[in-house]
C-alpha atoms as a PDB file:
ATOM      1  CA  UNK A   1     -19.001  29.778   3.784  1.00  0.00           C
ATOM      2  CA  UNK A   2     -17.236  26.995   1.842  1.00  0.00           C
ATOM      3  CA  UNK A   3     -13.580  26.069   2.710  1.00  0.00           C
ATOM      4  CA  UNK A   4     -10.726  26.339   0.244  1.00  0.00           C
ATOM      5  CA  UNK A   5      -8.205  23.357  -0.136  1.00  0.00           C
ATOM      6  CA  UNK A   6      -4.941  25.149   0.661  1.00  0.00           C
ATOM      7  CA  UNK A   7      -2.126  24.881  -2.081  1.00  0.00           C
ATOM      8  CA  UNK A   8       0.506  22.911  -0.399  1.00  0.00           C
ATOM      9  CA  UNK A   9       3.706  21.820  -2.273  1.00  0.00           C
ATOM     10  CA  UNK A  10       5.381  19.514   0.106  1.00  0.00           C
ATOM     11  CA  UNK A  11       4.065  15.914   0.735  1.00  0.00           C
ATOM     12  CA  UNK A  12       4.659  16.167   4.377  1.00  0.00           C
ATOM     13  CA  UNK A  13       2.324  19.443   4.581  1.00  0.00           C
ATOM     14  CA  UNK A  14      -0.434  17.680   2.558  1.00  0.00           C
ATOM     15  CA  UNK A  15      -0.301  14.543   4.710  1.00  0.00           C
ATOM     16  CA  UNK A  16      -0.315  16.745   7.946  1.00  0.00           C
ATOM     17  CA  UNK A  17      -3.344  18.823   6.363  1.00  0.00           C
ATOM     18  CA  UNK A  18      -5.427  15.737   5.369  1.00  0.00           C
ATOM     19  CA  UNK A  19      -4.710  14.003   8.619  1.00  0.00           C
ATOM     20  CA  UNK A  20      -6.108  16.758  10.602  1.00  0.00           C
ATOM     21  CA  UNK A  21      -9.080  17.627   8.258  1.00  0.00           C
ATOM     22  CA  UNK A  22     -12.037  15.865   6.707  1.00  0.00           C
ATOM     23  CA  UNK A  23     -12.324  15.885   2.977  1.00  0.00           C
ATOM     24  CA  UNK A  24     -16.108  16.212   3.017  1.00  0.00           C
ATOM     25  CA  UNK A  25     -15.526  19.662   4.568  1.00  0.00           C
ATOM     26  CA  UNK A  26     -13.923  20.646   1.180  1.00  0.00           C
ATOM     27  CA  UNK A  27     -16.023  18.817  -1.285  1.00  0.00           C
ATOM     28  CA  UNK A  28     -17.454  22.077  -2.905  1.00  0.00           C
ATOM     29  CA  UNK A  29     -13.997  22.948  -3.638  1.00  0.00           C
ATOM     30  CA  UNK A  30     -13.533  20.092  -6.073  1.00  0.00           C
ATOM     31  CA  UNK A  31     -14.484  19.286  -9.486  1.00  0.00           C
ATOM     32  CA  UNK A  32     -14.841  16.083 -11.447  1.00  0.00           C
ATOM     33  CA  UNK A  33     -11.846  14.535 -12.906  1.00  0.00           C
ATOM     34  CA  UNK A  34     -12.038  13.414 -16.399  1.00  0.00           C
ATOM     35  CA  UNK A  35     -10.096  10.570 -18.111  1.00  0.00           C
ATOM     36  CA  UNK A  36      -8.662   9.232 -14.860  1.00  0.00           C
ATOM     37  CA  UNK A  37      -6.568   5.965 -15.465  1.00  0.00           C
ATOM     38  CA  UNK A  38      -5.591   3.832 -12.643  1.00  0.00           C
ATOM     39  CA  UNK A  39      -2.646   1.635 -13.645  1.00  0.00           C
ATOM     40  CA  UNK A  40      -1.636  -1.658 -11.904  1.00  0.00           C
ATOM     41  CA  UNK A  41       1.953  -2.030 -10.694  1.00  0.00           C
ATOM     42  CA  UNK A  42       3.802  -4.077 -13.181  1.00  0.00           C
ATOM     43  CA  UNK A  43       4.710  -7.441 -11.597  1.00  0.00           C
ATOM     44  CA  UNK A  44       7.271 -10.002 -12.691  1.00  0.00           C
ATOM     45  CA  UNK A  45       7.114 -13.750 -12.175  1.00  0.00           C
ATOM     46  CA  UNK A  46       9.656 -15.197  -9.775  1.00  0.00           C
ATOM     47  CA  UNK A  47      10.368 -18.827  -9.620  1.00  0.00           C
ATOM     48  CA  UNK A  48      12.035 -20.660  -6.735  1.00  0.00           C
ATOM     49  CA  UNK A  49      11.969 -24.004  -5.417  1.00  0.00           C
ATOM     50  CA  UNK A  50      10.499 -25.126  -1.943  1.00  0.00           C
ATOM     51  CA  UNK A  51      10.387 -28.548  -0.257  1.00  0.00           C
ATOM     52  CA  UNK A  52       6.823 -30.181  -0.668  1.00  0.00           C
ATOM     53  CA  UNK A  53       6.451 -29.830   3.331  1.00  0.00           C
ATOM     54  CA  UNK A  54       6.889 -26.146   2.977  1.00  0.00           C
ATOM     55  CA  UNK A  55       4.332 -25.759   0.349  1.00  0.00           C
ATOM     56  CA  UNK A  56       1.946 -27.741   2.299  1.00  0.00           C
ATOM     57  CA  UNK A  57       2.656 -25.696   5.448  1.00  0.00           C
ATOM     58  CA  UNK A  58       2.124 -22.381   3.237  1.00  0.00           C
ATOM     59  CA  UNK A  59      -1.065 -23.657   1.962  1.00  0.00           C
ATOM     60  CA  UNK A  60      -2.407 -24.543   5.430  1.00  0.00           C
ATOM     61  CA  UNK A  61      -1.486 -21.193   6.696  1.00  0.00           C
ATOM     62  CA  UNK A  62      -2.766 -19.391   3.915  1.00  0.00           C
ATOM     63  CA  UNK A  63      -6.078 -21.089   4.152  1.00  0.00           C
ATOM     64  CA  UNK A  64      -6.358 -20.254   7.886  1.00  0.00           C
ATOM     65  CA  UNK A  65      -5.891 -16.609   7.117  1.00  0.00           C
ATOM     66  CA  UNK A  66      -8.075 -16.703   3.992  1.00  0.00           C
ATOM     67  CA  UNK A  67      -5.474 -16.005   1.347  1.00  0.00           C
ATOM     68  CA  UNK A  68      -3.971 -18.073  -1.463  1.00  0.00           C
ATOM     69  CA  UNK A  69      -0.445 -19.300  -0.630  1.00  0.00           C
ATOM     70  CA  UNK A  70       1.318 -17.126  -3.304  1.00  0.00           C
ATOM     71  CA  UNK A  71      -0.718 -14.164  -1.854  1.00  0.00           C
ATOM     72  CA  UNK A  72       0.552 -15.122   1.622  1.00  0.00           C
ATOM     73  CA  UNK A  73       4.227 -15.330   0.222  1.00  0.00           C
ATOM     74  CA  UNK A  74       3.977 -11.856  -1.496  1.00  0.00           C
ATOM     75  CA  UNK A  75       2.599 -10.429   1.821  1.00  0.00           C
ATOM     76  CA  UNK A  76       5.452 -11.795   3.725  1.00  0.00           C
ATOM     77  CA  UNK A  77       8.006 -10.564   1.316  1.00  0.00           C
ATOM     78  CA  UNK A  78       6.416  -7.238   1.247  1.00  0.00           C
ATOM     79  CA  UNK A  79       6.305  -6.872   4.940  1.00  0.00           C
ATOM     80  CA  UNK A  80       9.831  -7.979   5.434  1.00  0.00           C
ATOM     81  CA  UNK A  81      11.101  -5.575   2.748  1.00  0.00           C
ATOM     82  CA  UNK A  82       9.334  -2.710   4.368  1.00  0.00           C
ATOM     83  CA  UNK A  83      10.796  -3.627   7.868  1.00  0.00           C
ATOM     84  CA  UNK A  84      14.203  -3.710   6.445  1.00  0.00           C
ATOM     85  CA  UNK A  85      13.964  -0.437   4.480  1.00  0.00           C
ATOM     86  CA  UNK A  86      12.619   1.149   7.713  1.00  0.00           C
ATOM     87  CA  UNK A  87      15.472  -0.072   9.637  1.00  0.00           C
ATOM     88  CA  UNK A  88      17.939   1.349   6.955  1.00  0.00           C
ATOM     89  CA  UNK A  89      16.156   4.570   6.918  1.00  0.00           C
ATOM     90  CA  UNK A  90      16.473   5.013  10.683  1.00  0.00           C
ATOM     91  CA  UNK A  91      20.342   4.194  10.513  1.00  0.00           C
ATOM     92  CA  UNK A  92      20.896   7.191   8.447  1.00  0.00           C
END
């Protein structure tokens, strides 16, 4: 007997369901998707000044972790924003 994917409306219910189940058990209840388009998040260029020593240090650290230094800066900013937003969410 093939399993049916339940019709859940709330994100929390969907997340809980898929955290507890394996998608491959429900593969027969799926169908191919046509005309799927994945869009990249739009990014804007930001410019700021750093001392030469800071840039040198960023490049050295980035090289050690296998990233470009601008990717390293983006990841640090993203991590910090997520941490701050998480703290604000818990304060409510």
